[in-house]
Amino acid sequence: MVKLPNYIWFLGNIPFRGDGNIYSGSMGCDPLLGNIENKTFRYRVWLSKNDDGLILNAAHYNGEYSYDATDKNIICEKIFEASPKGIEEAQAWLQEAEDNALKSF
């Protein structure tokens, strides 16, 4: 189950140093083996800045490596509004992706 922190948590030090907190998670998709067979759903959520201000980024993929070590061609990313509502929408999007991953393994 995907459960994201609240919006204020993501802000981190943005008002001071310009960097926010990154939240990531994973779930082994086999109910008995977890992620032993590399069947792992992974996700990552963070704030970034663009010309219009802050945006909320969410990404997910199936694999055994961290976000930074994974081929970007297999990562699915989506941008949401940087707000509590955006957090809710990102959480729902990630939960749907996790449910689909569980069915595909």
PDB file of N, CA and C in Angstrom:
ATOM      1  N   MET A   1       0.843  -1.184   0.000  1.00  0.00           N
ATOM      2  CA  MET A   1       0.000   0.000   0.000  1.00  0.00           C
ATOM      3  C   MET A   1       0.887   1.245   0.000  1.00  0.00           C
ATOM      4  N   VAL A   2       0.595   2.154  -0.889  1.00  0.00           N
ATOM      5  CA  VAL A   2       1.351   3.401  -0.987  1.00  0.00           C
ATOM      6  C   VAL A   2       0.725   4.428  -0.045  1.00  0.00           C
ATOM      7  N   LYS A   3       1.535   4.986   0.834  1.00  0.00           N
ATOM      8  CA  LYS A   3       1.092   6.039   1.749  1.00  0.00           C
ATOM      9  C   LYS A   3       2.174   7.113   1.768  1.00  0.00           C
ATOM     10  N   LEU A   4       1.863   8.274   1.215  1.00  0.00           N
ATOM     11  CA  LEU A   4       2.842   9.362   1.136  1.00  0.00           C
ATOM     12  C   LEU A   4       2.741  10.282   2.350  1.00  0.00           C
ATOM     13  N   PRO A   5       3.854  10.913   2.725  1.00  0.00           N
ATOM     14  CA  PRO A   5       3.832  11.905   3.801  1.00  0.00           C
ATOM     15  C   PRO A   5       3.018  13.137   3.375  1.00  0.00           C
ATOM     16  N   ASN A   6       2.748  14.018   4.315  1.00  0.00           N
ATOM     17  CA  ASN A   6       1.982  15.215   3.974  1.00  0.00           C
ATOM     18  C   ASN A   6       2.845  16.209   3.199  1.00  0.00           C
ATOM     19  N   TYR A   7       2.200  17.212   2.646  1.00  0.00           N
ATOM     20  CA  TYR A   7       2.865  18.182   1.784  1.00  0.00           C
ATOM     21  C   TYR A   7       3.998  18.910   2.501  1.00  0.00           C
ATOM     22  N   ILE A   8       3.794  19.274   3.732  1.00  0.00           N
ATOM     23  CA  ILE A   8       4.819  20.026   4.479  1.00  0.00           C
ATOM     24  C   ILE A   8       6.102  19.201   4.614  1.00  0.00           C
ATOM     25  N   TRP A   9       5.973  17.897   4.758  1.00  0.00           N
ATOM     26  CA  TRP A   9       7.158  17.042   4.851  1.00  0.00           C
ATOM     27  C   TRP A   9       8.000  17.156   3.584  1.00  0.00           C
ATOM     28  N   PHE A  10       7.342  17.187   2.416  1.00  0.00           N
ATOM     29  CA  PHE A  10       8.076  17.279   1.155  1.00  0.00           C
ATOM     30  C   PHE A  10       8.815  18.605   1.018  1.00  0.00           C
ATOM     31  N   LEU A  11       8.297  19.664   1.624  1.00  0.00           N
ATOM     32  CA  LEU A  11       8.948  20.971   1.513  1.00  0.00           C
ATOM     33  C   LEU A  11      10.355  20.966   2.099  1.00  0.00           C
ATOM     34  N   GLY A  12      10.579  20.213   3.154  1.00  0.00           N
ATOM     35  CA  GLY A  12      11.913  20.110   3.748  1.00  0.00           C
ATOM     36  C   GLY A  12      12.559  21.458   3.952  1.00  0.00           C
ATOM     37  N   ASN A  13      13.703  21.682   3.320  1.00  0.00           N
ATOM     38  CA  ASN A  13      14.457  22.929   3.456  1.00  0.00           C
ATOM     39  C   ASN A  13      14.267  23.878   2.280  1.00  0.00           C
ATOM     40  N   ILE A  14      13.234  23.679   1.480  1.00  0.00           N
ATOM     41  CA  ILE A  14      13.036  24.545   0.315  1.00  0.00           C
ATOM     42  C   ILE A  14      13.046  26.029   0.699  1.00  0.00           C
ATOM     43  N   PRO A  15      12.382  26.427   1.790  1.00  0.00           N
ATOM     44  CA  PRO A  15      12.426  27.858   2.123  1.00  0.00           C
ATOM     45  C   PRO A  15      13.830  28.362   2.487  1.00  0.00           C
ATOM     46  N   PHE A  16      14.722  27.475   2.899  1.00  0.00           N
ATOM     47  CA  PHE A  16      16.041  27.890   3.376  1.00  0.00           C
ATOM     48  C   PHE A  16      17.152  27.622   2.365  1.00  0.00           C
ATOM     49  N   ARG A  17      17.267  26.373   1.899  1.00  0.00           N
ATOM     50  CA  ARG A  17      18.357  25.986   0.995  1.00  0.00           C
ATOM     51  C   ARG A  17      17.884  25.636  -0.405  1.00  0.00           C
ATOM     52  N   GLY A  18      16.588  25.510  -0.583  1.00  0.00           N
ATOM     53  CA  GLY A  18      16.071  25.193  -1.905  1.00  0.00           C
ATOM     54  C   GLY A  18      15.895  23.722  -2.196  1.00  0.00           C
ATOM     55  N   ASP A  19      16.164  22.852  -1.217  1.00  0.00           N
ATOM     56  CA  ASP A  19      15.996  21.423  -1.462  1.00  0.00           C
ATOM     57  C   ASP A  19      14.902  20.853  -0.566  1.00  0.00           C
ATOM     58  N   GLY A  20      14.102  19.982  -1.144  1.00  0.00           N
ATOM     59  CA  GLY A  20      13.031  19.327  -0.405  1.00  0.00           C
ATOM     60  C   GLY A  20      13.381  17.885  -0.113  1.00  0.00           C
ATOM     61  N   ASN A  21      12.489  17.219   0.585  1.00  0.00           N
ATOM     62  CA  ASN A  21      12.688  15.811   0.918  1.00  0.00           C
ATOM     63  C   ASN A  21      12.209  14.921  -0.227  1.00  0.00           C
ATOM     64  N   ILE A  22      12.903  13.820  -0.425  1.00  0.00           N
ATOM     65  CA  ILE A  22      12.532  12.812  -1.416  1.00  0.00           C
ATOM     66  C   ILE A  22      11.979  11.622  -0.659  1.00  0.00           C
ATOM     67  N   TYR A  23      10.837  11.117  -1.114  1.00  0.00           N
ATOM     68  CA  TYR A  23      10.229   9.949  -0.477  1.00  0.00           C
ATOM     69  C   TYR A  23      10.239   8.805  -1.475  1.00  0.00           C
ATOM     70  N   SER A  24      10.695   7.658  -1.042  1.00  0.00           N
ATOM     71  CA  SER A  24      10.695   6.491  -1.922  1.00  0.00           C
ATOM     72  C   SER A  24      10.216   5.272  -1.156  1.00  0.00           C
ATOM     73  N   GLY A  25       9.756   4.297  -1.904  1.00  0.00           N
ATOM     74  CA  GLY A  25       9.283   3.068  -1.289  1.00  0.00           C
ATOM     75  C   GLY A  25       9.337   1.938  -2.288  1.00  0.00           C
ATOM     76  N   SER A  26       9.142   0.731  -1.775  1.00  0.00           N
ATOM     77  CA  SER A  26       9.122  -0.442  -2.648  1.00  0.00           C
ATOM     78  C   SER A  26       8.295  -1.528  -1.993  1.00  0.00           C
ATOM     79  N   MET A  27       7.877  -2.454  -2.837  1.00  0.00           N
ATOM     80  CA  MET A  27       7.103  -3.585  -2.342  1.00  0.00           C
ATOM     81  C   MET A  27       7.455  -4.806  -3.155  1.00  0.00           C
ATOM     82  N   GLY A  28       7.863  -5.857  -2.460  1.00  0.00           N
ATOM     83  CA  GLY A  28       8.050  -7.130  -3.135  1.00  0.00           C
ATOM     84  C   GLY A  28       6.690  -7.642  -3.545  1.00  0.00           C
ATOM     85  N   CYS A  29       6.545  -8.007  -4.787  1.00  0.00           N
ATOM     86  CA  CYS A  29       5.222  -8.317  -5.325  1.00  0.00           C
ATOM     87  C   CYS A  29       4.802  -9.773  -5.187  1.00  0.00           C
ATOM     88  N   ASP A  30       5.655 -10.623  -4.679  1.00  0.00           N
ATOM     89  CA  ASP A  30       5.281 -12.010  -4.460  1.00  0.00           C
ATOM     90  C   ASP A  30       4.910 -12.171  -2.991  1.00  0.00           C
ATOM     91  N   PRO A  31       3.694 -12.620  -2.685  1.00  0.00           N
ATOM     92  CA  PRO A  31       3.270 -12.696  -1.290  1.00  0.00           C
ATOM     93  C   PRO A  31       4.122 -13.628  -0.418  1.00  0.00           C
ATOM     94  N   LEU A  32       4.772 -14.615  -1.024  1.00  0.00           N
ATOM     95  CA  LEU A  32       5.590 -15.540  -0.250  1.00  0.00           C
ATOM     96  C   LEU A  32       7.076 -15.203  -0.298  1.00  0.00           C
ATOM     97  N   LEU A  33       7.549 -14.741  -1.444  1.00  0.00           N
ATOM     98  CA  LEU A  33       8.977 -14.507  -1.623  1.00  0.00           C
ATOM     99  C   LEU A  33       9.382 -13.040  -1.510  1.00  0.00           C
ATOM    100  N   GLY A  34       8.427 -12.139  -1.403  1.00  0.00           N
ATOM    101  CA  GLY A  34       8.764 -10.722  -1.352  1.00  0.00           C
ATOM    102  C   GLY A  34       9.404 -10.300  -2.652  1.00  0.00           C
ATOM    103  N   ASN A  35      10.649  -9.803  -2.577  1.00  0.00           N
ATOM    104  CA  ASN A  35      11.322  -9.381  -3.810  1.00  0.00           C
ATOM    105  C   ASN A  35      12.521 -10.265  -4.143  1.00  0.00           C
ATOM    106  N   ILE A  36      12.546 -11.483  -3.635  1.00  0.00           N
ATOM    107  CA  ILE A  36      13.669 -12.382  -3.878  1.00  0.00           C
ATOM    108  C   ILE A  36      13.882 -12.623  -5.367  1.00  0.00           C
ATOM    109  N   GLU A  37      12.817 -12.686  -6.139  1.00  0.00           N
ATOM    110  CA  GLU A  37      12.941 -12.937  -7.576  1.00  0.00           C
ATOM    111  C   GLU A  37      12.963 -11.639  -8.368  1.00  0.00           C
ATOM    112  N   ASN A  38      13.348 -10.545  -7.735  1.00  0.00           N
ATOM    113  CA  ASN A  38      13.444  -9.227  -8.371  1.00  0.00           C
ATOM    114  C   ASN A  38      12.110  -8.724  -8.909  1.00  0.00           C
ATOM    115  N   LYS A  39      11.026  -9.205  -8.352  1.00  0.00           N
ATOM    116  CA  LYS A  39       9.702  -8.717  -8.708  1.00  0.00           C
ATOM    117  C   LYS A  39       9.327  -7.633  -7.699  1.00  0.00           C
ATOM    118  N   THR A  40       9.840  -6.448  -7.931  1.00  0.00           N
ATOM    119  CA  THR A  40       9.663  -5.375  -6.968  1.00  0.00           C
ATOM    120  C   THR A  40       9.100  -4.127  -7.635  1.00  0.00           C
ATOM    121  N   PHE A  41       8.033  -3.594  -7.056  1.00  0.00           N
ATOM    122  CA  PHE A  41       7.471  -2.320  -7.474  1.00  0.00           C
ATOM    123  C   PHE A  41       8.161  -1.239  -6.651  1.00  0.00           C
ATOM    124  N   ARG A  42       8.704  -0.232  -7.311  1.00  0.00           N
ATOM    125  CA  ARG A  42       9.414   0.852  -6.630  1.00  0.00           C
ATOM    126  C   ARG A  42       8.838   2.192  -7.058  1.00  0.00           C
ATOM    127  N   TYR A  43       8.868   3.138  -6.128  1.00  0.00           N
ATOM    128  CA  TYR A  43       8.382   4.483  -6.455  1.00  0.00           C
ATOM    129  C   TYR A  43       9.186   5.541  -5.720  1.00  0.00           C
ATOM    130  N   ARG A  44       9.067   6.768  -6.244  1.00  0.00           N
ATOM    131  CA  ARG A  44       9.797   7.900  -5.688  1.00  0.00           C
ATOM    132  C   ARG A  44       8.963   9.160  -5.934  1.00  0.00           C
ATOM    133  N   VAL A  45       8.910  10.057  -4.936  1.00  0.00           N
ATOM    134  CA  VAL A  45       8.146  11.297  -5.036  1.00  0.00           C
ATOM    135  C   VAL A  45       8.999  12.429  -4.476  1.00  0.00           C
ATOM    136  N   TRP A  46       9.007  13.582  -5.183  1.00  0.00           N
ATOM    137  CA  TRP A  46       9.814  14.713  -4.743  1.00  0.00           C
ATOM    138  C   TRP A  46       9.281  16.007  -5.351  1.00  0.00           C
ATOM    139  N   LEU A  47       9.660  17.113  -4.759  1.00  0.00           N
ATOM    140  CA  LEU A  47       9.325  18.429  -5.286  1.00  0.00           C
ATOM    141  C   LEU A  47      10.508  18.963  -6.086  1.00  0.00           C
ATOM    142  N   SER A  48      10.209  19.713  -7.129  1.00  0.00           N
ATOM    143  CA  SER A  48      11.254  20.412  -7.868  1.00  0.00           C
ATOM    144  C   SER A  48      10.679  21.745  -8.338  1.00  0.00           C
ATOM    145  N   LYS A  49      11.554  22.580  -8.869  1.00  0.00           N
ATOM    146  CA  LYS A  49      11.134  23.895  -9.339  1.00  0.00           C
ATOM    147  C   LYS A  49      11.176  23.946 -10.860  1.00  0.00           C
ATOM    148  N   ASN A  50      10.194  24.642 -11.432  1.00  0.00           N
ATOM    149  CA  ASN A  50      10.237  24.970 -12.853  1.00  0.00           C
ATOM    150  C   ASN A  50       9.946  26.462 -12.982  1.00  0.00           C
ATOM    151  N   ASP A  51       9.704  26.946 -14.172  1.00  0.00           N
ATOM    152  CA  ASP A  51       9.490  28.380 -14.382  1.00  0.00           C
ATOM    153  C   ASP A  51       8.259  28.915 -13.656  1.00  0.00           C
ATOM    154  N   ASP A  52       7.288  28.049 -13.410  1.00  0.00           N
ATOM    155  CA  ASP A  52       6.049  28.465 -12.745  1.00  0.00           C
ATOM    156  C   ASP A  52       6.086  28.291 -11.226  1.00  0.00           C
ATOM    157  N   GLY A  53       7.139  27.729 -10.694  1.00  0.00           N
ATOM    158  CA  GLY A  53       7.240  27.495  -9.249  1.00  0.00           C
ATOM    159  C   GLY A  53       7.486  26.032  -8.948  1.00  0.00           C
ATOM    160  N   LEU A  54       6.925  25.558  -7.852  1.00  0.00           N
ATOM    161  CA  LEU A  54       7.132  24.173  -7.436  1.00  0.00           C
ATOM    162  C   LEU A  54       6.191  23.219  -8.168  1.00  0.00           C
ATOM    163  N   ILE A  55       6.698  22.022  -8.445  1.00  0.00           N
ATOM    164  CA  ILE A  55       5.892  20.936  -8.984  1.00  0.00           C
ATOM    165  C   ILE A  55       6.198  19.676  -8.190  1.00  0.00           C
ATOM    166  N   LEU A  56       5.240  18.778  -8.148  1.00  0.00           N
ATOM    167  CA  LEU A  56       5.405  17.494  -7.473  1.00  0.00           C
ATOM    168  C   LEU A  56       5.647  16.441  -8.538  1.00  0.00           C
ATOM    169  N   ASN A  57       6.755  15.737  -8.425  1.00  0.00           N
ATOM    170  CA  ASN A  57       7.128  14.673  -9.360  1.00  0.00           C
ATOM    171  C   ASN A  57       6.895  13.327  -8.693  1.00  0.00           C
ATOM    172  N   ALA A  58       6.344  12.388  -9.446  1.00  0.00           N
ATOM    173  CA  ALA A  58       6.181  11.022  -8.963  1.00  0.00           C
ATOM    174  C   ALA A  58       6.675  10.083 -10.052  1.00  0.00           C
ATOM    175  N   ALA A  59       7.307   9.003  -9.643  1.00  0.00           N
ATOM    176  CA  ALA A  59       7.840   8.027 -10.600  1.00  0.00           C
ATOM    177  C   ALA A  59       7.662   6.627 -10.034  1.00  0.00           C
ATOM    178  N   HIS A  60       7.482   5.658 -10.932  1.00  0.00           N
ATOM    179  CA  HIS A  60       7.429   4.259 -10.503  1.00  0.00           C
ATOM    180  C   HIS A  60       8.024   3.369 -11.585  1.00  0.00           C
ATOM    181  N   TYR A  61       8.441   2.200 -11.163  1.00  0.00           N
ATOM    182  CA  TYR A  61       9.004   1.207 -12.089  1.00  0.00           C
ATOM    183  C   TYR A  61       9.063  -0.128 -11.382  1.00  0.00           C
ATOM    184  N   ASN A  62       9.238  -1.179 -12.148  1.00  0.00           N
ATOM    185  CA  ASN A  62       9.433  -2.517 -11.599  1.00  0.00           C
ATOM    186  C   ASN A  62      10.893  -2.877 -11.817  1.00  0.00           C
ATOM    187  N   GLY A  63      11.578  -3.242 -10.753  1.00  0.00           N
ATOM    188  CA  GLY A  63      12.979  -3.595 -10.899  1.00  0.00           C
ATOM    189  C   GLY A  63      13.675  -3.781  -9.578  1.00  0.00           C
ATOM    190  N   GLU A  64      14.938  -4.129  -9.665  1.00  0.00           N
ATOM    191  CA  GLU A  64      15.704  -4.443  -8.467  1.00  0.00           C
ATOM    192  C   GLU A  64      16.625  -3.322  -8.010  1.00  0.00           C
ATOM    193  N   TYR A  65      16.821  -2.294  -8.827  1.00  0.00           N
ATOM    194  CA  TYR A  65      17.794  -1.255  -8.504  1.00  0.00           C
ATOM    195  C   TYR A  65      17.123   0.029  -8.021  1.00  0.00           C
ATOM    196  N   SER A  66      17.935   0.895  -7.436  1.00  0.00           N
ATOM    197  CA  SER A  66      17.444   2.190  -6.984  1.00  0.00           C
ATOM    198  C   SER A  66      17.047   3.046  -8.181  1.00  0.00           C
ATOM    199  N   TYR A  67      16.356   4.124  -7.916  1.00  0.00           N
ATOM    200  CA  TYR A  67      15.928   5.054  -8.978  1.00  0.00           C
ATOM    201  C   TYR A  67      17.123   5.544  -9.786  1.00  0.00           C
ATOM    202  N   ASP A  68      18.161   5.969  -9.102  1.00  0.00           N
ATOM    203  CA  ASP A  68      19.333   6.518  -9.790  1.00  0.00           C
ATOM    204  C   ASP A  68      20.084   5.479 -10.623  1.00  0.00           C
ATOM    205  N   ALA A  69      19.996   4.206 -10.248  1.00  0.00           N
ATOM    206  CA  ALA A  69      20.721   3.151 -10.956  1.00  0.00           C
ATOM    207  C   ALA A  69      19.861   2.439 -12.002  1.00  0.00           C
ATOM    208  N   THR A  70      18.629   2.905 -12.188  1.00  0.00           N
ATOM    209  CA  THR A  70      17.714   2.242 -13.124  1.00  0.00           C
ATOM    210  C   THR A  70      17.691   2.971 -14.453  1.00  0.00           C
ATOM    211  N   ASP A  71      17.603   2.197 -15.522  1.00  0.00           N
ATOM    212  CA  ASP A  71      17.488   2.757 -16.873  1.00  0.00           C
ATOM    213  C   ASP A  71      16.242   3.641 -16.919  1.00  0.00           C
ATOM    214  N   LYS A  72      16.411   4.905 -17.256  1.00  0.00           N
ATOM    215  CA  LYS A  72      15.303   5.871 -17.250  1.00  0.00           C
ATOM    216  C   LYS A  72      14.209   5.511 -18.258  1.00  0.00           C
ATOM    217  N   ASN A  73      14.510   4.652 -19.219  1.00  0.00           N
ATOM    218  CA  ASN A  73      13.504   4.240 -20.199  1.00  0.00           C
ATOM    219  C   ASN A  73      12.410   3.364 -19.600  1.00  0.00           C
ATOM    220  N   ILE A  74      12.661   2.745 -18.449  1.00  0.00           N
ATOM    221  CA  ILE A  74      11.629   1.891 -17.843  1.00  0.00           C
ATOM    222  C   ILE A  74      10.895   2.598 -16.702  1.00  0.00           C
ATOM    223  N   ILE A  75      11.284   3.819 -16.395  1.00  0.00           N
ATOM    224  CA  ILE A  75      10.649   4.569 -15.313  1.00  0.00           C
ATOM    225  C   ILE A  75       9.482   5.382 -15.874  1.00  0.00           C
ATOM    226  N   CYS A  76       8.341   5.255 -15.232  1.00  0.00           N
ATOM    227  CA  CYS A  76       7.152   6.017 -15.621  1.00  0.00           C
ATOM    228  C   CYS A  76       7.030   7.203 -14.657  1.00  0.00           C
ATOM    229  N   GLU A  77       7.024   8.419 -15.189  1.00  0.00           N
ATOM    230  CA  GLU A  77       6.968   9.614 -14.357  1.00  0.00           C
ATOM    231  C   GLU A  77       5.737  10.445 -14.701  1.00  0.00           C
ATOM    232  N   LYS A  78       5.253  11.162 -13.686  1.00  0.00           N
ATOM    233  CA  LYS A  78       4.109  12.054 -13.876  1.00  0.00           C
ATOM    234  C   LYS A  78       4.281  13.253 -12.965  1.00  0.00           C
ATOM    235  N   ILE A  79       3.826  14.411 -13.427  1.00  0.00           N
ATOM    236  CA  ILE A  79       3.917  15.643 -12.650  1.00  0.00           C
ATOM    237  C   ILE A  79       2.533  15.995 -12.098  1.00  0.00           C
ATOM    238  N   PHE A  80       2.528  16.417 -10.841  1.00  0.00           N
ATOM    239  CA  PHE A  80       1.304  16.813 -10.163  1.00  0.00           C
ATOM    240  C   PHE A  80       1.471  18.214  -9.591  1.00  0.00           C
ATOM    241  N   GLU A  81       0.357  18.797  -9.213  1.00  0.00           N
ATOM    242  CA  GLU A  81       0.363  20.099  -8.546  1.00  0.00           C
ATOM    243  C   GLU A  81       1.087  19.964  -7.205  1.00  0.00           C
ATOM    244  N   ALA A  82       1.919  20.932  -6.880  1.00  0.00           N
ATOM    245  CA  ALA A  82       2.637  20.923  -5.597  1.00  0.00           C
ATOM    246  C   ALA A  82       1.696  21.459  -4.520  1.00  0.00           C
ATOM    247  N   SER A  83       0.918  20.550  -3.951  1.00  0.00           N
ATOM    248  CA  SER A  83      -0.083  20.915  -2.954  1.00  0.00           C
ATOM    249  C   SER A  83      -0.549  19.650  -2.241  1.00  0.00           C
ATOM    250  N   PRO A  84      -1.295  19.785  -1.154  1.00  0.00           N
ATOM    251  CA  PRO A  84      -1.862  18.590  -0.521  1.00  0.00           C
ATOM    252  C   PRO A  84      -2.727  17.781  -1.487  1.00  0.00           C
ATOM    253  N   LYS A  85      -3.477  18.472  -2.358  1.00  0.00           N
ATOM    254  CA  LYS A  85      -4.290  17.768  -3.348  1.00  0.00           C
ATOM    255  C   LYS A  85      -3.400  16.989  -4.318  1.00  0.00           C
ATOM    256  N   GLY A  86      -2.281  17.575  -4.712  1.00  0.00           N
ATOM    257  CA  GLY A  86      -1.342  16.881  -5.587  1.00  0.00           C
ATOM    258  C   GLY A  86      -0.774  15.628  -4.944  1.00  0.00           C
ATOM    259  N   ILE A  87      -0.519  15.702  -3.642  1.00  0.00           N
ATOM    260  CA  ILE A  87      -0.034  14.516  -2.906  1.00  0.00           C
ATOM    261  C   ILE A  87      -1.077  13.409  -2.974  1.00  0.00           C
ATOM    262  N   GLU A  88      -2.342  13.755  -2.750  1.00  0.00           N
ATOM    263  CA  GLU A  88      -3.417  12.757  -2.810  1.00  0.00           C
ATOM    264  C   GLU A  88      -3.514  12.133  -4.201  1.00  0.00           C
ATOM    265  N   GLU A  89      -3.420  12.972  -5.237  1.00  0.00           N
ATOM    266  CA  GLU A  89      -3.500  12.460  -6.608  1.00  0.00           C
ATOM    267  C   GLU A  89      -2.306  11.573  -6.940  1.00  0.00           C
ATOM    268  N   ALA A  90      -1.121  11.967  -6.512  1.00  0.00           N
ATOM    269  CA  ALA A  90       0.076  11.152  -6.751  1.00  0.00           C
ATOM    270  C   ALA A  90      -0.027   9.815  -6.021  1.00  0.00           C
ATOM    271  N   GLN A  91      -0.526   9.860  -4.803  1.00  0.00           N
ATOM    272  CA  GLN A  91      -0.682   8.629  -4.027  1.00  0.00           C
ATOM    273  C   GLN A  91      -1.655   7.675  -4.720  1.00  0.00           C
ATOM    274  N   ALA A  92      -2.776   8.192  -5.215  1.00  0.00           N
ATOM    275  CA  ALA A  92      -3.744   7.355  -5.920  1.00  0.00           C
ATOM    276  C   ALA A  92      -3.143   6.786  -7.209  1.00  0.00           C
ATOM    277  N   TRP A  93      -2.383   7.614  -7.942  1.00  0.00           N
ATOM    278  CA  TRP A  93      -1.740   7.162  -9.176  1.00  0.00           C
ATOM    279  C   TRP A  93      -0.735   6.046  -8.888  1.00  0.00           C
ATOM    280  N   LEU A  94       0.051   6.228  -7.845  1.00  0.00           N
ATOM    281  CA  LEU A  94       1.038   5.208  -7.480  1.00  0.00           C
ATOM    282  C   LEU A  94       0.363   3.932  -6.979  1.00  0.00           C
ATOM    283  N   GLN A  95      -0.727   4.077  -6.234  1.00  0.00           N
ATOM    284  CA  GLN A  95      -1.435   2.896  -5.737  1.00  0.00           C
ATOM    285  C   GLN A  95      -2.004   2.083  -6.892  1.00  0.00           C
ATOM    286  N   GLU A  96      -2.556   2.770  -7.892  1.00  0.00           N
ATOM    287  CA  GLU A  96      -3.070   2.072  -9.066  1.00  0.00           C
ATOM    288  C   GLU A  96      -1.937   1.346  -9.793  1.00  0.00           C
ATOM    289  N   ALA A  97      -0.793   1.987  -9.908  1.00  0.00           N
ATOM    290  CA  ALA A  97       0.372   1.348 -10.556  1.00  0.00           C
ATOM    291  C   ALA A  97       0.843   0.147  -9.754  1.00  0.00           C
ATOM    292  N   GLU A  98       0.841   0.252  -8.434  1.00  0.00           N
ATOM    293  CA  GLU A  98       1.238  -0.879  -7.606  1.00  0.00           C
ATOM    294  C   GLU A  98       0.254  -2.035  -7.770  1.00  0.00           C
ATOM    295  N   ASP A  99      -1.037  -1.742  -7.772  1.00  0.00           N
ATOM    296  CA  ASP A  99      -2.039  -2.787  -7.962  1.00  0.00           C
ATOM    297  C   ASP A  99      -1.838  -3.500  -9.302  1.00  0.00           C
ATOM    298  N   ASN A 100      -1.554  -2.725 -10.351  1.00  0.00           N
ATOM    299  CA  ASN A 100      -1.304  -3.325 -11.666  1.00  0.00           C
ATOM    300  C   ASN A 100      -0.034  -4.175 -11.668  1.00  0.00           C
ATOM    301  N   ALA A 101       0.983  -3.717 -10.959  1.00  0.00           N
ATOM    302  CA  ALA A 101       2.231  -4.495 -10.872  1.00  0.00           C
ATOM    303  C   ALA A 101       1.977  -5.824 -10.173  1.00  0.00           C
ATOM    304  N   LEU A 102       1.198  -5.797  -9.113  1.00  0.00           N
ATOM    305  CA  LEU A 102       0.892  -7.034  -8.392  1.00  0.00           C
ATOM    306  C   LEU A 102       0.185  -8.044  -9.303  1.00  0.00           C
ATOM    307  N   LYS A 103      -0.684  -7.556 -10.169  1.00  0.00           N
ATOM    308  CA  LYS A 103      -1.411  -8.443 -11.085  1.00  0.00           C
ATOM    309  C   LYS A 103      -0.494  -8.990 -12.173  1.00  0.00           C
ATOM    310  N   SER A 104       0.527  -8.232 -12.552  1.00  0.00           N
ATOM    311  CA  SER A 104       1.378  -8.636 -13.677  1.00  0.00           C
ATOM    312  C   SER A 104       2.468  -9.632 -13.298  1.00  0.00           C
ATOM    313  N   PHE A 105       2.778  -9.739 -12.030  1.00  0.00           N
ATOM    314  CA  PHE A 105       3.859 -10.648 -11.620  1.00  0.00           C
ATOM    315  C   PHE A 105       3.375 -12.049 -11.400  1.00  0.00           C
TER     316      PHE A 105
END
